[in-house]
Each structure stands twice: as structure tokens, then as C-alpha cells.
C-alpha atoms as a PDB file:
ATOM      1  CA  UNK A   1     100.426  99.554  88.392  1.00  0.00           C
ATOM      2  CA  UNK A   2     103.478 100.907  90.206  1.00  0.00           C
ATOM      3  CA  UNK A   3     105.498 100.836  87.017  1.00  0.00           C
ATOM      4  CA  UNK A   4     102.757 102.602  85.099  1.00  0.00           C
ATOM      5  CA  UNK A   5     102.511 105.275  87.831  1.00  0.00           C
ATOM      6  CA  UNK A   6     106.346 105.805  87.572  1.00  0.00           C
ATOM      7  CA  UNK A   7     106.119 106.161  83.829  1.00  0.00           C
ATOM      8  CA  UNK A   8     103.209 108.688  84.071  1.00  0.00           C
ATOM      9  CA  UNK A   9     105.053 110.666  86.745  1.00  0.00           C
ATOM     10  CA  UNK A  10     108.231 110.664  84.638  1.00  0.00           C
ATOM     11  CA  UNK A  11     106.334 112.393  81.877  1.00  0.00           C
ATOM     12  CA  UNK A  12     104.924 114.981  84.255  1.00  0.00           C
ATOM     13  CA  UNK A  13     107.748 115.728  86.734  1.00  0.00           C
ATOM     14  CA  UNK A  14     110.794 114.203  85.028  1.00  0.00           C
ATOM     15  CA  UNK A  15     112.876 111.181  85.691  1.00  0.00           C
ATOM     16  CA  UNK A  16     114.493 112.453  88.862  1.00  0.00           C
ATOM     17  CA  UNK A  17     111.179 112.531  90.768  1.00  0.00           C
ATOM     18  CA  UNK A  18     109.471 109.630  89.089  1.00  0.00           C
ATOM     19  CA  UNK A  19     110.237 107.339  92.040  1.00  0.00           C
ATOM     20  CA  UNK A  20     107.880 109.350  94.318  1.00  0.00           C
ATOM     21  CA  UNK A  21     104.648 108.063  92.685  1.00  0.00           C
ATOM     22  CA  UNK A  22     105.337 104.301  93.096  1.00  0.00           C
ATOM     23  CA  UNK A  23     106.540 104.918  96.583  1.00  0.00           C
ATOM     24  CA  UNK A  24     103.388 106.723  97.640  1.00  0.00           C
ATOM     25  CA  UNK A  25     101.313 103.911  95.928  1.00  0.00           C
ATOM     26  CA  UNK A  26     103.262 101.388  97.940  1.00  0.00           C
ATOM     27  CA  UNK A  27     102.426 103.223 101.176  1.00  0.00           C
ATOM     28  CA  UNK A  28      98.761 103.466 100.321  1.00  0.00           C
ATOM     29  CA  UNK A  29      98.781  99.780  99.336  1.00  0.00           C
ATOM     30  CA  UNK A  30     100.169  98.821 102.687  1.00  0.00           C
ATOM     31  CA  UNK A  31      97.248 100.608 104.362  1.00  0.00           C
ATOM     32  CA  UNK A  32      94.938  98.788 101.933  1.00  0.00           C
ATOM     33  CA  UNK A  33      96.404  95.439 103.018  1.00  0.00           C
ATOM     34  CA  UNK A  34      96.028  96.267 106.705  1.00  0.00           C
ATOM     35  CA  UNK A  35      92.544  97.765 106.373  1.00  0.00           C
ATOM     36  CA  UNK A  36      91.199  95.209 103.812  1.00  0.00           C
ATOM     37  CA  UNK A  37      90.027  97.896 101.374  1.00  0.00           C
ATOM     38  CA  UNK A  38      87.679  96.603  98.653  1.00  0.00           C
ATOM     39  CA  UNK A  39      88.806  99.055  95.902  1.00  0.00           C
ATOM     40  CA  UNK A  40      90.207  97.421  92.723  1.00  0.00           C
ATOM     41  CA  UNK A  41      92.763 100.218  92.558  1.00  0.00           C
ATOM     42  CA  UNK A  42      94.422  98.692  95.569  1.00  0.00           C
ATOM     43  CA  UNK A  43      95.126  95.466  93.593  1.00  0.00           C
ATOM     44  CA  UNK A  44      97.902  94.197  95.967  1.00  0.00           C
ATOM     45  CA  UNK A  45      95.125  93.820  98.552  1.00  0.00           C
ATOM     46  CA  UNK A  46      92.827  91.919  96.276  1.00  0.00           C
ATOM     47  CA  UNK A  47      92.589  88.132  95.884  1.00  0.00           C
ATOM     48  CA  UNK A  48      94.970  86.535  93.377  1.00  0.00           C
ATOM     49  CA  UNK A  49      92.395  85.933  90.651  1.00  0.00           C
ATOM     50  CA  UNK A  50      90.597  89.245  90.852  1.00  0.00           C
ATOM     51  CA  UNK A  51      89.673  90.597  87.425  1.00  0.00           C
ATOM     52  CA  UNK A  52      88.997  94.161  88.577  1.00  0.00           C
ATOM     53  CA  UNK A  53      92.390  94.488  90.141  1.00  0.00           C
ATOM     54  CA  UNK A  54      94.124  93.065  87.088  1.00  0.00           C
ATOM     55  CA  UNK A  55      92.247  95.444  84.793  1.00  0.00           C
ATOM     56  CA  UNK A  56      93.148  98.476  86.930  1.00  0.00           C
ATOM     57  CA  UNK A  57      96.786  97.509  87.081  1.00  0.00           C
ATOM     58  CA  UNK A  58      96.908  96.783  83.360  1.00  0.00           C
ATOM     59  CA  UNK A  59      95.198 100.103  82.466  1.00  0.00           C
ATOM     60  CA  UNK A  60      97.638 102.149  84.519  1.00  0.00           C
ATOM     61  CA  UNK A  61     100.559 100.277  82.986  1.00  0.00           C
ATOM     62  CA  UNK A  62      99.234 100.694  79.433  1.00  0.00           C
ATOM     63  CA  UNK A  63      98.608 104.434  80.035  1.00  0.00           C
ATOM     64  CA  UNK A  64     102.189 104.805  81.359  1.00  0.00           C
ATOM     65  CA  UNK A  65     103.653 103.019  78.316  1.00  0.00           C
ATOM     66  CA  UNK A  66     101.578 105.184  75.890  1.00  0.00           C
ATOM     67  CA  UNK A  67     102.458 108.455  77.600  1.00  0.00           C
ATOM     68  CA  UNK A  68     106.118 107.615  77.954  1.00  0.00           C
ATOM     69  CA  UNK A  69     106.284 106.513  74.295  1.00  0.00           C
ATOM     70  CA  UNK A  70     104.514 109.626  72.976  1.00  0.00           C
ATOM     71  CA  UNK A  71     105.932 112.296  75.272  1.00  0.00           C
ATOM     72  CA  UNK A  72     108.972 110.707  76.920  1.00  0.00           C
ATOM     73  CA  UNK A  73     110.323 111.787  80.289  1.00  0.00           C
ATOM     74  CA  UNK A  74     110.914 115.403  80.943  1.00  0.00           C
ATOM     75  CA  UNK A  75     114.578 116.386  80.731  1.00  0.00           C
ATOM     76  CA  UNK A  76     116.212 118.210  83.626  1.00  0.00           C
ATOM     77  CA  UNK A  77     117.228 121.633  82.537  1.00  0.00           C
ATOM     78  CA  UNK A  78     120.249 123.153  84.220  1.00  0.00           C
ATOM     79  CA  UNK A  79     120.276 126.840  84.827  1.00  0.00           C
END
């Protein structure tokens, strides 16, 4: 999921800021681990064989691959 978030953010903000999305996801996932959140989007906090968490992580990764393939990362334009 974190890689998919990075790919999606690279298409929106560009490659230089694409690291911010996975970093924020990691911070939220840490709170999910501490607080025992039941949401499948917080798949690091789910049990190892959880189908919902695997589907959510796979969907975000697939969306990131599709968007990065079709659109690509935004190029930084110097002024």
C-alpha cells in the first residue's frame, strides 16, 4: 500500500514530494498498531491472513501502477 501511495502521489505532486504520502501512511499505521484499529486500510495492524487488508493493499498498489504507467510522474519545471 505504501508503494502504491507513493506512485499515486508522484503522479499528483511529482517525484520530489512522492515520499510524503508513504511517510504519512506509516505514521497513521503506527497509531493503528497502538490503538488496534479494525479498518482494513490499516493493513499493517491486521492479522497476517486477513483478506480485507490484503485486498486494500493490493488495490492501492494496482491503482498506483496504473496511474504511474498511464500518466507518469510529474516533471519538475525550473523557472
